[in-house]
Amino acid sequence: MPQTRNSKQYDLEERTFLFAKRVRIFAGQLHKTPGNTEDGKQLIRSSGSVGANYIEANEALSKKDFLMRIKISRKEAKESRYWLNLLEINNNAKLDIERKSLIQEATELMNIFGSIIKKSQ
């Protein structure tokens, strides 16, 4: 991931990448239940899609394509929040703190993408 560039574009690429990495670490610490296994897979997919679609937006061939990819990034961040709320953490305080932090990050990413959409329309 680009870490030496100063533009906001690459800062957000790095931020979405770190969000997906944190989600993977979090999912690996969950108690193995059928629900956590399936919901964790969905969470991993959606969290990775946030950044992947943002990168694609930055390579968009048109404004319409750019907006579509940004909207997908926002949708995937919202979906990640949904899966995070569904996961069972069995009263584990450490996991609860990390889940709340990840939910906050997903919410902030949703807000950032929402702002990009408003400014681009």
PDB file of N, CA and C in Angstrom:
ATOM      1  N   MET A   1       0.839  -1.180   0.000  1.00  0.00           N
ATOM      2  CA  MET A   1       0.000   0.000   0.000  1.00  0.00           C
ATOM      3  C   MET A   1       0.883   1.241   0.000  1.00  0.00           C
ATOM      4  N   PRO A   2       0.467   2.281  -0.717  1.00  0.00           N
ATOM      5  CA  PRO A   2       1.257   3.502  -0.736  1.00  0.00           C
ATOM      6  C   PRO A   2       1.223   4.195   0.622  1.00  0.00           C
ATOM      7  N   GLN A   3       2.383   4.385   1.213  1.00  0.00           N
ATOM      8  CA  GLN A   3       2.429   5.034   2.510  1.00  0.00           C
ATOM      9  C   GLN A   3       3.168   6.359   2.469  1.00  0.00           C
ATOM     10  N   THR A   4       3.908   6.619   1.426  1.00  0.00           N
ATOM     11  CA  THR A   4       4.716   7.824   1.379  1.00  0.00           C
ATOM     12  C   THR A   4       4.021   8.966   0.644  1.00  0.00           C
ATOM     13  N   ARG A   5       2.927   8.715   0.000  1.00  0.00           N
ATOM     14  CA  ARG A   5       2.224   9.775  -0.715  1.00  0.00           C
ATOM     15  C   ARG A   5       1.387  10.574   0.270  1.00  0.00           C
ATOM     16  N   ASN A   6       1.234  11.865   0.004  1.00  0.00           N
ATOM     17  CA  ASN A   6       0.543  12.746   0.933  1.00  0.00           C
ATOM     18  C   ASN A   6      -0.889  13.054   0.550  1.00  0.00           C
ATOM     19  N   SER A   7      -1.348  12.650  -0.621  1.00  0.00           N
ATOM     20  CA  SER A   7      -2.688  13.021  -1.046  1.00  0.00           C
ATOM     21  C   SER A   7      -3.749  12.283  -0.236  1.00  0.00           C
ATOM     22  N   LYS A   8      -4.923  12.921  -0.143  1.00  0.00           N
ATOM     23  CA  LYS A   8      -6.040  12.316   0.585  1.00  0.00           C
ATOM     24  C   LYS A   8      -6.453  10.994  -0.052  1.00  0.00           C
ATOM     25  N   GLN A   9      -6.355  10.910  -1.387  1.00  0.00           N
ATOM     26  CA  GLN A   9      -6.718   9.685  -2.105  1.00  0.00           C
ATOM     27  C   GLN A   9      -5.968   8.496  -1.518  1.00  0.00           C
ATOM     28  N   TYR A  10      -4.662   8.632  -1.367  1.00  0.00           N
ATOM     29  CA  TYR A  10      -3.877   7.506  -0.886  1.00  0.00           C
ATOM     30  C   TYR A  10      -4.023   7.321   0.613  1.00  0.00           C
ATOM     31  N   ASP A  11      -4.313   8.369   1.353  1.00  0.00           N
ATOM     32  CA  ASP A  11      -4.604   8.226   2.778  1.00  0.00           C
ATOM     33  C   ASP A  11      -5.844   7.354   2.967  1.00  0.00           C
ATOM     34  N   LEU A  12      -6.865   7.581   2.142  1.00  0.00           N
ATOM     35  CA  LEU A  12      -8.096   6.802   2.249  1.00  0.00           C
ATOM     36  C   LEU A  12      -7.879   5.374   1.741  1.00  0.00           C
ATOM     37  N   GLU A  13      -7.027   5.192   0.745  1.00  0.00           N
ATOM     38  CA  GLU A  13      -6.692   3.830   0.318  1.00  0.00           C
ATOM     39  C   GLU A  13      -6.035   3.082   1.480  1.00  0.00           C
ATOM     40  N   GLU A  14      -5.124   3.718   2.156  1.00  0.00           N
ATOM     41  CA  GLU A  14      -4.440   3.101   3.289  1.00  0.00           C
ATOM     42  C   GLU A  14      -5.426   2.834   4.428  1.00  0.00           C
ATOM     43  N   ARG A  15      -6.294   3.782   4.680  1.00  0.00           N
ATOM     44  CA  ARG A  15      -7.264   3.631   5.771  1.00  0.00           C
ATOM     45  C   ARG A  15      -8.217   2.465   5.511  1.00  0.00           C
ATOM     46  N   THR A  16      -8.699   2.342   4.290  1.00  0.00           N
ATOM     47  CA  THR A  16      -9.606   1.228   3.987  1.00  0.00           C
ATOM     48  C   THR A  16      -8.866  -0.109   4.023  1.00  0.00           C
ATOM     49  N   PHE A  17      -7.597  -0.095   3.621  1.00  0.00           N
ATOM     50  CA  PHE A  17      -6.774  -1.309   3.695  1.00  0.00           C
ATOM     51  C   PHE A  17      -6.596  -1.733   5.158  1.00  0.00           C
ATOM     52  N   LEU A  18      -6.274  -0.785   6.014  1.00  0.00           N
ATOM     53  CA  LEU A  18      -6.079  -1.096   7.440  1.00  0.00           C
ATOM     54  C   LEU A  18      -7.371  -1.568   8.092  1.00  0.00           C
ATOM     55  N   PHE A  19      -8.509  -1.009   7.660  1.00  0.00           N
ATOM     56  CA  PHE A  19      -9.802  -1.469   8.172  1.00  0.00           C
ATOM     57  C   PHE A  19     -10.001  -2.948   7.844  1.00  0.00           C
ATOM     58  N   ALA A  20      -9.749  -3.327   6.598  1.00  0.00           N
ATOM     59  CA  ALA A  20      -9.906  -4.727   6.188  1.00  0.00           C
ATOM     60  C   ALA A  20      -8.937  -5.635   6.948  1.00  0.00           C
ATOM     61  N   LYS A  21      -7.716  -5.191   7.163  1.00  0.00           N
ATOM     62  CA  LYS A  21      -6.741  -5.988   7.922  1.00  0.00           C
ATOM     63  C   LYS A  21      -7.194  -6.169   9.374  1.00  0.00           C
ATOM     64  N   ARG A  22      -7.667  -5.087   9.996  1.00  0.00           N
ATOM     65  CA  ARG A  22      -8.146  -5.180  11.382  1.00  0.00           C
ATOM     66  C   ARG A  22      -9.329  -6.140  11.488  1.00  0.00           C
ATOM     67  N   VAL A  23     -10.215  -6.099  10.511  1.00  0.00           N
ATOM     68  CA  VAL A  23     -11.374  -7.001  10.507  1.00  0.00           C
ATOM     69  C   VAL A  23     -10.907  -8.450  10.461  1.00  0.00           C
ATOM     70  N   ARG A  24      -9.914  -8.737   9.648  1.00  0.00           N
ATOM     71  CA  ARG A  24      -9.416 -10.114   9.543  1.00  0.00           C
ATOM     72  C   ARG A  24      -8.809 -10.591  10.859  1.00  0.00           C
ATOM     73  N   ILE A  25      -8.076  -9.733  11.511  1.00  0.00           N
ATOM     74  CA  ILE A  25      -7.502 -10.094  12.816  1.00  0.00           C
ATOM     75  C   ILE A  25      -8.618 -10.327  13.827  1.00  0.00           C
ATOM     76  N   PHE A  26      -9.598  -9.426  13.844  1.00  0.00           N
ATOM     77  CA  PHE A  26     -10.738  -9.554  14.750  1.00  0.00           C
ATOM     78  C   PHE A  26     -11.492 -10.857  14.504  1.00  0.00           C
ATOM     79  N   ALA A  27     -11.785 -11.154  13.246  1.00  0.00           N
ATOM     80  CA  ALA A  27     -12.536 -12.373  12.904  1.00  0.00           C
ATOM     81  C   ALA A  27     -11.783 -13.625  13.342  1.00  0.00           C
ATOM     82  N   GLY A  28     -10.472 -13.595  13.272  1.00  0.00           N
ATOM     83  CA  GLY A  28      -9.667 -14.740  13.688  1.00  0.00           C
ATOM     84  C   GLY A  28      -9.695 -14.996  15.184  1.00  0.00           C
ATOM     85  N   GLN A  29     -10.124 -14.023  15.966  1.00  0.00           N
ATOM     86  CA  GLN A  29     -10.174 -14.158  17.423  1.00  0.00           C
ATOM     87  C   GLN A  29     -11.548 -14.589  17.936  1.00  0.00           C
ATOM     88  N   LEU A  30     -12.517 -14.681  17.053  1.00  0.00           N
ATOM     89  CA  LEU A  30     -13.882 -15.018  17.474  1.00  0.00           C
ATOM     90  C   LEU A  30     -14.024 -16.486  17.834  1.00  0.00           C
ATOM     91  N   HIS A  31     -14.963 -16.741  18.761  1.00  0.00           N
ATOM     92  CA  HIS A  31     -15.332 -18.106  19.118  1.00  0.00           C
ATOM     93  C   HIS A  31     -15.931 -18.765  17.876  1.00  0.00           C
ATOM     94  N   LYS A  32     -15.512 -19.993  17.601  1.00  0.00           N
ATOM     95  CA  LYS A  32     -15.955 -20.686  16.395  1.00  0.00           C
ATOM     96  C   LYS A  32     -17.336 -21.295  16.601  1.00  0.00           C
ATOM     97  N   THR A  33     -18.341 -20.619  16.056  1.00  0.00           N
ATOM     98  CA  THR A  33     -19.707 -21.122  16.042  1.00  0.00           C
ATOM     99  C   THR A  33     -20.173 -21.097  14.589  1.00  0.00           C
ATOM    100  N   PRO A  34     -21.226 -21.835  14.268  1.00  0.00           N
ATOM    101  CA  PRO A  34     -21.711 -21.776  12.879  1.00  0.00           C
ATOM    102  C   PRO A  34     -22.066 -20.347  12.445  1.00  0.00           C
ATOM    103  N   GLY A  35     -22.708 -19.600  13.331  1.00  0.00           N
ATOM    104  CA  GLY A  35     -23.073 -18.215  12.996  1.00  0.00           C
ATOM    105  C   GLY A  35     -21.862 -17.330  12.801  1.00  0.00           C
ATOM    106  N   ASN A  36     -20.912 -17.415  13.725  1.00  0.00           N
ATOM    107  CA  ASN A  36     -19.710 -16.592  13.598  1.00  0.00           C
ATOM    108  C   ASN A  36     -18.915 -16.946  12.353  1.00  0.00           C
ATOM    109  N   THR A  37     -18.881 -18.231  12.004  1.00  0.00           N
ATOM    110  CA  THR A  37     -18.147 -18.643  10.814  1.00  0.00           C
ATOM    111  C   THR A  37     -18.751 -18.015   9.562  1.00  0.00           C
ATOM    112  N   GLU A  38     -20.058 -18.130   9.412  1.00  0.00           N
ATOM    113  CA  GLU A  38     -20.719 -17.587   8.223  1.00  0.00           C
ATOM    114  C   GLU A  38     -20.731 -16.068   8.233  1.00  0.00           C
ATOM    115  N   ASP A  39     -21.070 -15.463   9.370  1.00  0.00           N
ATOM    116  CA  ASP A  39     -21.111 -14.005   9.448  1.00  0.00           C
ATOM    117  C   ASP A  39     -19.706 -13.422   9.318  1.00  0.00           C
ATOM    118  N   GLY A  40     -18.720 -14.110   9.847  1.00  0.00           N
ATOM    119  CA  GLY A  40     -17.336 -13.662   9.721  1.00  0.00           C
ATOM    120  C   GLY A  40     -16.872 -13.656   8.276  1.00  0.00           C
ATOM    121  N   LYS A  41     -17.277 -14.671   7.508  1.00  0.00           N
ATOM    122  CA  LYS A  41     -16.926 -14.700   6.080  1.00  0.00           C
ATOM    123  C   LYS A  41     -17.533 -13.502   5.354  1.00  0.00           C
ATOM    124  N   GLN A  42     -18.790 -13.228   5.665  1.00  0.00           N
ATOM    125  CA  GLN A  42     -19.464 -12.078   5.039  1.00  0.00           C
ATOM    126  C   GLN A  42     -18.779 -10.773   5.427  1.00  0.00           C
ATOM    127  N   LEU A  43     -18.397 -10.668   6.692  1.00  0.00           N
ATOM    128  CA  LEU A  43     -17.712  -9.468   7.175  1.00  0.00           C
ATOM    129  C   LEU A  43     -16.373  -9.279   6.464  1.00  0.00           C
ATOM    130  N   ILE A  44     -15.629 -10.349   6.328  1.00  0.00           N
ATOM    131  CA  ILE A  44     -14.332 -10.266   5.651  1.00  0.00           C
ATOM    132  C   ILE A  44     -14.512  -9.814   4.205  1.00  0.00           C
ATOM    133  N   ARG A  45     -15.520 -10.358   3.529  1.00  0.00           N
ATOM    134  CA  ARG A  45     -15.775  -9.958   2.136  1.00  0.00           C
ATOM    135  C   ARG A  45     -16.146  -8.477   2.036  1.00  0.00           C
ATOM    136  N   SER A  46     -17.102  -8.063   2.864  1.00  0.00           N
ATOM    137  CA  SER A  46     -17.569  -6.676   2.756  1.00  0.00           C
ATOM    138  C   SER A  46     -16.484  -5.680   3.162  1.00  0.00           C
ATOM    139  N   SER A  47     -15.712  -6.001   4.185  1.00  0.00           N
ATOM    140  CA  SER A  47     -14.662  -5.067   4.622  1.00  0.00           C
ATOM    141  C   SER A  47     -13.584  -4.910   3.551  1.00  0.00           C
ATOM    142  N   GLY A  48     -13.261  -5.990   2.865  1.00  0.00           N
ATOM    143  CA  GLY A  48     -12.290  -5.899   1.777  1.00  0.00           C
ATOM    144  C   GLY A  48     -12.831  -5.146   0.577  1.00  0.00           C
ATOM    145  N   SER A  49     -14.124  -5.261   0.348  1.00  0.00           N
ATOM    146  CA  SER A  49     -14.746  -4.578  -0.790  1.00  0.00           C
ATOM    147  C   SER A  49     -14.780  -3.072  -0.624  1.00  0.00           C
ATOM    148  N   VAL A  50     -14.761  -2.588   0.614  1.00  0.00           N
ATOM    149  CA  VAL A  50     -14.749  -1.136   0.840  1.00  0.00           C
ATOM    150  C   VAL A  50     -13.555  -0.530   0.106  1.00  0.00           C
ATOM    151  N   GLY A  51     -12.378  -1.015   0.410  1.00  0.00           N
ATOM    152  CA  GLY A  51     -11.163  -0.477  -0.187  1.00  0.00           C
ATOM    153  C   GLY A  51     -10.996  -0.842  -1.645  1.00  0.00           C
ATOM    154  N   ALA A  52     -11.368  -2.057  -2.011  1.00  0.00           N
ATOM    155  CA  ALA A  52     -11.215  -2.486  -3.407  1.00  0.00           C
ATOM    156  C   ALA A  52     -12.034  -1.597  -4.335  1.00  0.00           C
ATOM    157  N   ASN A  53     -13.250  -1.274  -3.926  1.00  0.00           N
ATOM    158  CA  ASN A  53     -14.082  -0.406  -4.764  1.00  0.00           C
ATOM    159  C   ASN A  53     -13.593   1.030  -4.751  1.00  0.00           C
ATOM    160  N   TYR A  54     -13.006   1.465  -3.647  1.00  0.00           N
ATOM    161  CA  TYR A  54     -12.435   2.813  -3.611  1.00  0.00           C
ATOM    162  C   TYR A  54     -11.256   2.909  -4.584  1.00  0.00           C
ATOM    163  N   ILE A  55     -10.413   1.895  -4.603  1.00  0.00           N
ATOM    164  CA  ILE A  55      -9.290   1.887  -5.552  1.00  0.00           C
ATOM    165  C   ILE A  55      -9.821   1.911  -6.985  1.00  0.00           C
ATOM    166  N   GLU A  56     -10.857   1.123  -7.253  1.00  0.00           N
ATOM    167  CA  GLU A  56     -11.445   1.124  -8.590  1.00  0.00           C
ATOM    168  C   GLU A  56     -12.042   2.488  -8.930  1.00  0.00           C
ATOM    169  N   ALA A  57     -12.626   3.161  -7.954  1.00  0.00           N
ATOM    170  CA  ALA A  57     -13.187   4.495  -8.189  1.00  0.00           C
ATOM    171  C   ALA A  57     -12.094   5.456  -8.635  1.00  0.00           C
ATOM    172  N   ASN A  58     -10.927   5.335  -8.036  1.00  0.00           N
ATOM    173  CA  ASN A  58      -9.820   6.216  -8.392  1.00  0.00           C
ATOM    174  C   ASN A  58      -9.279   5.951  -9.790  1.00  0.00           C
ATOM    175  N   GLU A  59      -9.631   4.809 -10.359  1.00  0.00           N
ATOM    176  CA  GLU A  59      -9.226   4.465 -11.721  1.00  0.00           C
ATOM    177  C   GLU A  59     -10.401   4.535 -12.691  1.00  0.00           C
ATOM    178  N   ALA A  60     -11.490   5.136 -12.249  1.00  0.00           N
ATOM    179  CA  ALA A  60     -12.713   5.178 -13.052  1.00  0.00           C
ATOM    180  C   ALA A  60     -12.497   5.893 -14.378  1.00  0.00           C
ATOM    181  N   LEU A  61     -13.228   5.436 -15.381  1.00  0.00           N
ATOM    182  CA  LEU A  61     -13.131   6.013 -16.721  1.00  0.00           C
ATOM    183  C   LEU A  61     -14.103   7.170 -16.923  1.00  0.00           C
ATOM    184  N   SER A  62     -15.063   7.298 -16.016  1.00  0.00           N
ATOM    185  CA  SER A  62     -16.041   8.377 -16.136  1.00  0.00           C
ATOM    186  C   SER A  62     -16.518   8.783 -14.743  1.00  0.00           C
ATOM    187  N   LYS A  63     -17.161   9.936 -14.682  1.00  0.00           N
ATOM    188  CA  LYS A  63     -17.721  10.407 -13.411  1.00  0.00           C
ATOM    189  C   LYS A  63     -18.807   9.440 -12.917  1.00  0.00           C
ATOM    190  N   LYS A  64     -19.600   8.928 -13.840  1.00  0.00           N
ATOM    191  CA  LYS A  64     -20.663   7.986 -13.488  1.00  0.00           C
ATOM    192  C   LYS A  64     -20.067   6.724 -12.856  1.00  0.00           C
ATOM    193  N   ASP A  65     -19.011   6.214 -13.456  1.00  0.00           N
ATOM    194  CA  ASP A  65     -18.327   5.030 -12.922  1.00  0.00           C
ATOM    195  C   ASP A  65     -17.727   5.332 -11.552  1.00  0.00           C
ATOM    196  N   PHE A  66     -17.112   6.512 -11.411  1.00  0.00           N
ATOM    197  CA  PHE A  66     -16.542   6.921 -10.130  1.00  0.00           C
ATOM    198  C   PHE A  66     -17.613   6.922  -9.042  1.00  0.00           C
ATOM    199  N   LEU A  67     -18.736   7.576  -9.313  1.00  0.00           N
ATOM    200  CA  LEU A  67     -19.809   7.661  -8.317  1.00  0.00           C
ATOM    201  C   LEU A  67     -20.367   6.283  -7.965  1.00  0.00           C
ATOM    202  N   MET A  68     -20.509   5.426  -8.960  1.00  0.00           N
ATOM    203  CA  MET A  68     -21.015   4.079  -8.683  1.00  0.00           C
ATOM    204  C   MET A  68     -20.085   3.339  -7.731  1.00  0.00           C
ATOM    205  N   ARG A  69     -18.780   3.413  -7.958  1.00  0.00           N
ATOM    206  CA  ARG A  69     -17.804   2.714  -7.103  1.00  0.00           C
ATOM    207  C   ARG A  69     -17.777   3.305  -5.693  1.00  0.00           C
ATOM    208  N   ILE A  70     -17.887   4.609  -5.582  1.00  0.00           N
ATOM    209  CA  ILE A  70     -17.915   5.242  -4.262  1.00  0.00           C
ATOM    210  C   ILE A  70     -19.186   4.816  -3.516  1.00  0.00           C
ATOM    211  N   LYS A  71     -20.297   4.748  -4.226  1.00  0.00           N
ATOM    212  CA  LYS A  71     -21.548   4.299  -3.599  1.00  0.00           C
ATOM    213  C   LYS A  71     -21.432   2.849  -3.137  1.00  0.00           C
ATOM    214  N   ILE A  72     -20.753   2.030  -3.915  1.00  0.00           N
ATOM    215  CA  ILE A  72     -20.539   0.637  -3.505  1.00  0.00           C
ATOM    216  C   ILE A  72     -19.644   0.588  -2.269  1.00  0.00           C
ATOM    217  N   SER A  73     -18.615   1.413  -2.219  1.00  0.00           N
ATOM    218  CA  SER A  73     -17.754   1.456  -1.026  1.00  0.00           C
ATOM    219  C   SER A  73     -18.569   1.822   0.206  1.00  0.00           C
ATOM    220  N   ARG A  74     -19.433   2.811   0.069  1.00  0.00           N
ATOM    221  CA  ARG A  74     -20.292   3.206   1.200  1.00  0.00           C
ATOM    222  C   ARG A  74     -21.217   2.062   1.602  1.00  0.00           C
ATOM    223  N   LYS A  75     -21.800   1.400   0.623  1.00  0.00           N
ATOM    224  CA  LYS A  75     -22.700   0.270   0.894  1.00  0.00           C
ATOM    225  C   LYS A  75     -21.957  -0.860   1.607  1.00  0.00           C
ATOM    226  N   GLU A  76     -20.745  -1.152   1.179  1.00  0.00           N
ATOM    227  CA  GLU A  76     -19.969  -2.233   1.786  1.00  0.00           C
ATOM    228  C   GLU A  76     -19.542  -1.876   3.220  1.00  0.00           C
ATOM    229  N   ALA A  77     -19.267  -0.610   3.480  1.00  0.00           N
ATOM    230  CA  ALA A  77     -18.952  -0.185   4.844  1.00  0.00           C
ATOM    231  C   ALA A  77     -20.179  -0.357   5.740  1.00  0.00           C
ATOM    232  N   LYS A  78     -21.341  -0.014   5.208  1.00  0.00           N
ATOM    233  CA  LYS A  78     -22.589  -0.181   5.962  1.00  0.00           C
ATOM    234  C   LYS A  78     -22.855  -1.661   6.213  1.00  0.00           C
ATOM    235  N   GLU A  79     -22.613  -2.491   5.223  1.00  0.00           N
ATOM    236  CA  GLU A  79     -22.798  -3.936   5.377  1.00  0.00           C
ATOM    237  C   GLU A  79     -21.815  -4.492   6.409  1.00  0.00           C
ATOM    238  N   SER A  80     -20.588  -4.016   6.391  1.00  0.00           N
ATOM    239  CA  SER A  80     -19.597  -4.465   7.385  1.00  0.00           C
ATOM    240  C   SER A  80     -20.088  -4.176   8.791  1.00  0.00           C
ATOM    241  N   ARG A  81     -20.685  -3.017   8.976  1.00  0.00           N
ATOM    242  CA  ARG A  81     -21.235  -2.652  10.287  1.00  0.00           C
ATOM    243  C   ARG A  81     -22.333  -3.634  10.709  1.00  0.00           C
ATOM    244  N   TYR A  82     -23.159  -4.024   9.768  1.00  0.00           N
ATOM    245  CA  TYR A  82     -24.227  -4.994  10.040  1.00  0.00           C
ATOM    246  C   TYR A  82     -23.645  -6.320  10.534  1.00  0.00           C
ATOM    247  N   TRP A  83     -22.657  -6.848   9.812  1.00  0.00           N
ATOM    248  CA  TRP A  83     -22.064  -8.137  10.193  1.00  0.00           C
ATOM    249  C   TRP A  83     -21.343  -8.031  11.531  1.00  0.00           C
ATOM    250  N   LEU A  84     -20.682  -6.916  11.782  1.00  0.00           N
ATOM    251  CA  LEU A  84     -20.011  -6.732  13.067  1.00  0.00           C
ATOM    252  C   LEU A  84     -21.006  -6.807  14.221  1.00  0.00           C
ATOM    253  N   ASN A  85     -22.174  -6.242  14.027  1.00  0.00           N
ATOM    254  CA  ASN A  85     -23.196  -6.276  15.076  1.00  0.00           C
ATOM    255  C   ASN A  85     -23.780  -7.662  15.293  1.00  0.00           C
ATOM    256  N   LEU A  86     -23.772  -8.499  14.266  1.00  0.00           N
ATOM    257  CA  LEU A  86     -24.330  -9.848  14.388  1.00  0.00           C
ATOM    258  C   LEU A  86     -23.415 -10.837  15.109  1.00  0.00           C
ATOM    259  N   LEU A  87     -22.132 -10.615  15.052  1.00  0.00           N
ATOM    260  CA  LEU A  87     -21.174 -11.577  15.604  1.00  0.00           C
ATOM    261  C   LEU A  87     -21.310 -11.737  17.113  1.00  0.00           C
ATOM    262  N   GLU A  88     -21.165 -12.967  17.566  1.00  0.00           N
ATOM    263  CA  GLU A  88     -21.239 -13.295  18.993  1.00  0.00           C
ATOM    264  C   GLU A  88     -19.836 -13.218  19.583  1.00  0.00           C
ATOM    265  N   ILE A  89     -19.672 -12.380  20.613  1.00  0.00           N
ATOM    266  CA  ILE A  89     -18.350 -12.227  21.226  1.00  0.00           C
ATOM    267  C   ILE A  89     -18.279 -12.841  22.621  1.00  0.00           C
ATOM    268  N   ASN A  90     -19.364 -13.459  23.073  1.00  0.00           N
ATOM    269  CA  ASN A  90     -19.392 -14.183  24.357  1.00  0.00           C
ATOM    270  C   ASN A  90     -18.879 -13.361  25.538  1.00  0.00           C
ATOM    271  N   ASN A  91     -19.347 -12.133  25.646  1.00  0.00           N
ATOM    272  CA  ASN A  91     -18.989 -11.256  26.777  1.00  0.00           C
ATOM    273  C   ASN A  91     -17.484 -11.048  26.927  1.00  0.00           C
ATOM    274  N   ASN A  92     -16.735 -11.133  25.849  1.00  0.00           N
ATOM    275  CA  ASN A  92     -15.293 -10.904  25.868  1.00  0.00           C
ATOM    276  C   ASN A  92     -15.065  -9.396  25.753  1.00  0.00           C
ATOM    277  N   ALA A  93     -14.597  -8.774  26.827  1.00  0.00           N
ATOM    278  CA  ALA A  93     -14.438  -7.315  26.871  1.00  0.00           C
ATOM    279  C   ALA A  93     -13.474  -6.806  25.802  1.00  0.00           C
ATOM    280  N   LYS A  94     -12.376  -7.527  25.591  1.00  0.00           N
ATOM    281  CA  LYS A  94     -11.388  -7.112  24.584  1.00  0.00           C
ATOM    282  C   LYS A  94     -12.008  -7.116  23.187  1.00  0.00           C
ATOM    283  N   LEU A  95     -12.745  -8.180  22.857  1.00  0.00           N
ATOM    284  CA  LEU A  95     -13.402  -8.251  21.555  1.00  0.00           C
ATOM    285  C   LEU A  95     -14.503  -7.204  21.420  1.00  0.00           C
ATOM    286  N   ASP A  96     -15.184  -6.922  22.521  1.00  0.00           N
ATOM    287  CA  ASP A  96     -16.240  -5.914  22.501  1.00  0.00           C
ATOM    288  C   ASP A  96     -15.661  -4.537  22.196  1.00  0.00           C
ATOM    289  N   ILE A  97     -14.527  -4.210  22.794  1.00  0.00           N
ATOM    290  CA  ILE A  97     -13.867  -2.928  22.531  1.00  0.00           C
ATOM    291  C   ILE A  97     -13.451  -2.836  21.063  1.00  0.00           C
ATOM    292  N   GLU A  98     -12.865  -3.899  20.547  1.00  0.00           N
ATOM    293  CA  GLU A  98     -12.420  -3.889  19.147  1.00  0.00           C
ATOM    294  C   GLU A  98     -13.619  -3.835  18.202  1.00  0.00           C
ATOM    295  N   ARG A  99     -14.685  -4.564  18.516  1.00  0.00           N
ATOM    296  CA  ARG A  99     -15.875  -4.517  17.658  1.00  0.00           C
ATOM    297  C   ARG A  99     -16.430  -3.095  17.613  1.00  0.00           C
ATOM    298  N   LYS A 100     -16.537  -2.449  18.760  1.00  0.00           N
ATOM    299  CA  LYS A 100     -17.052  -1.075  18.792  1.00  0.00           C
ATOM    300  C   LYS A 100     -16.151  -0.139  17.995  1.00  0.00           C
ATOM    301  N   SER A 101     -14.849  -0.334  18.077  1.00  0.00           N
ATOM    302  CA  SER A 101     -13.906   0.482  17.323  1.00  0.00           C
ATOM    303  C   SER A 101     -14.073   0.250  15.819  1.00  0.00           C
ATOM    304  N   LEU A 102     -14.258  -0.999  15.420  1.00  0.00           N
ATOM    305  CA  LEU A 102     -14.462  -1.312  13.997  1.00  0.00           C
ATOM    306  C   LEU A 102     -15.796  -0.763  13.497  1.00  0.00           C
ATOM    307  N   ILE A 103     -16.826  -0.815  14.330  1.00  0.00           N
ATOM    308  CA  ILE A 103     -18.121  -0.237  13.950  1.00  0.00           C
ATOM    309  C   ILE A 103     -17.972   1.269  13.767  1.00  0.00           C
ATOM    310  N   GLN A 104     -17.224   1.909  14.659  1.00  0.00           N
ATOM    311  CA  GLN A 104     -16.979   3.345  14.536  1.00  0.00           C
ATOM    312  C   GLN A 104     -16.224   3.658  13.243  1.00  0.00           C
ATOM    313  N   GLU A 105     -15.226   2.858  12.926  1.00  0.00           N
ATOM    314  CA  GLU A 105     -14.460   3.083  11.698  1.00  0.00           C
ATOM    315  C   GLU A 105     -15.349   2.878  10.472  1.00  0.00           C
ATOM    316  N   ALA A 106     -16.176   1.852  10.473  1.00  0.00           N
ATOM    317  CA  ALA A 106     -17.087   1.623   9.347  1.00  0.00           C
ATOM    318  C   ALA A 106     -18.040   2.815   9.182  1.00  0.00           C
ATOM    319  N   THR A 107     -18.521   3.343  10.295  1.00  0.00           N
ATOM    320  CA  THR A 107     -19.417   4.500  10.257  1.00  0.00           C
ATOM    321  C   THR A 107     -18.698   5.725   9.701  1.00  0.00           C
ATOM    322  N   GLU A 108     -17.467   5.950  10.135  1.00  0.00           N
ATOM    323  CA  GLU A 108     -16.697   7.082   9.628  1.00  0.00           C
ATOM    324  C   GLU A 108     -16.427   6.931   8.136  1.00  0.00           C
ATOM    325  N   LEU A 109     -16.113   5.725   7.696  1.00  0.00           N
ATOM    326  CA  LEU A 109     -15.900   5.498   6.264  1.00  0.00           C
ATOM    327  C   LEU A 109     -17.185   5.758   5.477  1.00  0.00           C
ATOM    328  N   MET A 110     -18.322   5.318   6.007  1.00  0.00           N
ATOM    329  CA  MET A 110     -19.604   5.596   5.359  1.00  0.00           C
ATOM    330  C   MET A 110     -19.806   7.100   5.202  1.00  0.00           C
ATOM    331  N   ASN A 111     -19.508   7.842   6.255  1.00  0.00           N
ATOM    332  CA  ASN A 111     -19.678   9.294   6.217  1.00  0.00           C
ATOM    333  C   ASN A 111     -18.734   9.953   5.218  1.00  0.00           C
ATOM    334  N   ILE A 112     -17.507   9.476   5.158  1.00  0.00           N
ATOM    335  CA  ILE A 112     -16.538  10.018   4.197  1.00  0.00           C
ATOM    336  C   ILE A 112     -17.019   9.771   2.771  1.00  0.00           C
ATOM    337  N   PHE A 113     -17.438   8.544   2.491  1.00  0.00           N
ATOM    338  CA  PHE A 113     -17.911   8.235   1.139  1.00  0.00           C
ATOM    339  C   PHE A 113     -19.182   9.011   0.819  1.00  0.00           C
ATOM    340  N   GLY A 114     -20.056   9.184   1.809  1.00  0.00           N
ATOM    341  CA  GLY A 114     -21.259   9.993   1.604  1.00  0.00           C
ATOM    342  C   GLY A 114     -20.912  11.430   1.243  1.00  0.00           C
ATOM    343  N   SER A 115     -19.902  11.971   1.906  1.00  0.00           N
ATOM    344  CA  SER A 115     -19.458  13.332   1.611  1.00  0.00           C
ATOM    345  C   SER A 115     -18.868  13.433   0.210  1.00  0.00           C
ATOM    346  N   ILE A 116     -18.102  12.426  -0.191  1.00  0.00           N
ATOM    347  CA  ILE A 116     -17.543  12.403  -1.550  1.00  0.00           C
ATOM    348  C   ILE A 116     -18.666  12.374  -2.575  1.00  0.00           C
ATOM    349  N   ILE A 117     -19.685  11.592  -2.309  1.00  0.00           N
ATOM    350  CA  ILE A 117     -20.832  11.494  -3.231  1.00  0.00           C
ATOM    351  C   ILE A 117     -21.510  12.850  -3.364  1.00  0.00           C
ATOM    352  N   LYS A 118     -21.778  13.509  -2.237  1.00  0.00           N
ATOM    353  CA  LYS A 118     -22.450  14.817  -2.279  1.00  0.00           C
ATOM    354  C   LYS A 118     -21.622  15.838  -3.041  1.00  0.00           C
ATOM    355  N   LYS A 119     -20.325  15.847  -2.833  1.00  0.00           N
ATOM    356  CA  LYS A 119     -19.466  16.824  -3.492  1.00  0.00           C
ATOM    357  C   LYS A 119     -19.279  16.524  -4.975  1.00  0.00           C
ATOM    358  N   SER A 120     -19.512  15.286  -5.372  1.00  0.00           N
ATOM    359  CA  SER A 120     -19.269  14.878  -6.758  1.00  0.00           C
ATOM    360  C   SER A 120     -20.519  14.974  -7.636  1.00  0.00           C
ATOM    361  N   GLN A 121     -21.659  15.174  -7.016  1.00  0.00           N
ATOM    362  CA  GLN A 121     -22.901  15.197  -7.816  1.00  0.00           C
ATOM    363  C   GLN A 121     -23.241  16.584  -8.291  1.00  0.00           C
TER     364      GLN A 121
END
